[in-house]
């Protein structure tokens, strides 16, 4: 399943910049979790921007799921093409916040 998840993540990461939907901003696919029966896949994405941009991007991705699924079917040739759902992954945002906190606490070298 790890190989399937990574393959799906890679195809989606390559396909997202090609989408023409203006709602979709700068998106990074951080992970994919595919069900063992290959019927569903949850795609975790990180979006650069505020809450409004994040919501618009997720709506745009949901609208483009048919295009993304057809690309998956063509490139991966799996037994089934999973139904894609997109969820925001806050881990990148948390990592940036932690780095800022560490930088604020660390003494500056002079």
Protein backbone atom coordinates (compact mmCIF):
# COMPACT_ATOMS: atom_id res chain seq x y z
CA UNK A 1 0.00 0.00 0.00
CA UNK A 2 2.93 2.36 0.60
CA UNK A 3 3.96 2.05 -3.04
CA UNK A 4 0.41 2.68 -4.21
CA UNK A 5 0.11 5.73 -1.96
CA UNK A 6 3.43 7.11 -3.16
CA UNK A 7 2.56 6.48 -6.82
CA UNK A 8 -0.80 8.26 -6.45
CA UNK A 9 0.90 11.15 -4.62
CA UNK A 10 3.51 11.50 -7.36
CA UNK A 11 0.99 11.50 -10.23
CA UNK A 12 -1.20 14.05 -8.46
CA UNK A 13 1.77 16.29 -7.62
CA UNK A 14 2.78 16.30 -11.29
CA UNK A 15 -0.79 16.95 -12.48
CA UNK A 16 -1.87 19.75 -10.10
CA UNK A 17 0.25 22.51 -11.72
CA UNK A 18 -1.41 21.71 -15.06
CA UNK A 19 -4.92 22.48 -13.77
CA UNK A 20 -6.37 25.71 -15.14
CA UNK A 21 -8.85 26.42 -12.32
CA UNK A 22 -8.14 29.93 -10.94
CA UNK A 23 -9.34 28.86 -7.48
CA UNK A 24 -6.41 26.46 -7.12
CA UNK A 25 -3.43 28.25 -5.63
CA UNK A 26 0.00 26.97 -4.70
CA UNK A 27 -0.67 23.41 -3.54
CA UNK A 28 1.66 20.72 -2.24
CA UNK A 29 0.52 17.11 -1.95
CA UNK A 30 1.87 16.02 1.42
CA UNK A 31 0.46 12.51 1.51
CA UNK A 32 -2.09 10.01 0.27
CA UNK A 33 -3.90 7.28 2.18
CA UNK A 34 -5.57 4.72 -0.06
CA UNK A 35 -8.10 2.21 1.23
CA UNK A 36 -6.97 -1.44 0.92
CA UNK A 37 -9.74 -2.16 -1.60
CA UNK A 38 -8.55 0.80 -3.77
CA UNK A 39 -12.03 2.36 -3.82
CA UNK A 40 -11.16 5.56 -1.92
CA UNK A 41 -8.07 7.69 -1.45
CA UNK A 42 -7.68 10.66 0.87
CA UNK A 43 -5.24 13.21 -0.50
CA UNK A 44 -3.64 15.52 2.07
CA UNK A 45 -2.61 18.89 0.70
CA UNK A 46 -0.87 21.96 2.04
CA UNK A 47 -1.98 25.30 0.62
CA UNK A 48 0.00 28.52 0.70
CA UNK A 49 -2.22 31.40 1.76
CA UNK A 50 -4.91 32.39 4.22
CA UNK A 51 -8.10 30.55 5.20
CA UNK A 52 -10.08 32.00 2.28
CA UNK A 53 -7.46 30.85 -0.25
CA UNK A 54 -7.31 27.43 1.41
CA UNK A 55 -11.08 26.97 1.18
CA UNK A 56 -11.17 28.08 -2.46
CA UNK A 57 -8.32 25.73 -3.36
CA UNK A 58 -10.02 22.75 -1.71
CA UNK A 59 -13.23 23.55 -3.62
CA UNK A 60 -11.26 23.76 -6.86
CA UNK A 61 -9.59 20.43 -6.19
CA UNK A 62 -12.92 18.76 -5.46
CA UNK A 63 -14.27 20.16 -8.75
CA UNK A 64 -11.24 18.80 -10.63
CA UNK A 65 -11.33 15.32 -9.09
CA UNK A 66 -12.65 13.79 -12.33
CA UNK A 67 -9.69 15.09 -14.33
CA UNK A 68 -7.30 13.90 -11.64
CA UNK A 69 -8.88 10.46 -11.46
CA UNK A 70 -8.70 10.01 -15.22
CA UNK A 71 -5.00 10.95 -15.14
CA UNK A 72 -4.47 8.38 -12.37
CA UNK A 73 -6.26 5.71 -14.40
CA UNK A 74 -4.14 6.42 -17.48
CA UNK A 75 -0.77 6.55 -15.75
CA UNK A 76 -1.06 3.91 -13.03
CA UNK A 77 -3.26 1.25 -14.65
CA UNK A 78 -4.52 -0.09 -11.34
CA UNK A 79 -7.29 -2.62 -10.89
CA UNK A 80 -9.52 0.22 -9.65
CA UNK A 81 -9.06 3.96 -9.73
CA UNK A 82 -9.77 5.34 -6.24
CA UNK A 83 -12.38 8.03 -5.59
CA UNK A 84 -10.38 11.06 -4.45
CA UNK A 85 -11.19 13.24 -1.48
CA UNK A 86 -9.04 16.19 -0.49
CA UNK A 87 -8.21 17.32 3.04
CA UNK A 88 -6.06 20.15 4.31
CA UNK A 89 -2.86 19.05 6.06
CA UNK A 90 -1.83 21.58 8.72
CA UNK A 91 1.51 19.87 9.45
CA UNK A 92 3.53 22.22 7.24
CA UNK A 93 1.91 25.25 8.85
CA UNK A 94 2.64 23.82 12.31
CA UNK A 95 6.27 23.20 11.33
CA UNK A 96 6.71 26.79 10.18
CA UNK A 97 5.13 28.03 13.41
CA UNK A 98 7.46 25.84 15.50
CA UNK A 99 10.49 27.17 13.58
CA UNK A 100 9.37 30.73 14.28
CA UNK A 101 8.97 29.98 18.00
CA UNK A 102 12.43 28.40 18.16
CA UNK A 103 13.96 31.36 16.33
CA UNK A 104 12.26 33.76 18.76
CA UNK A 105 13.63 31.90 21.77
CA UNK A 106 17.15 31.34 20.47
CA UNK A 107 19.67 34.04 21.38
CA UNK A 108 20.95 35.99 18.42
CA UNK A 109 24.63 35.61 17.58
CA UNK A 110 26.43 38.91 17.46
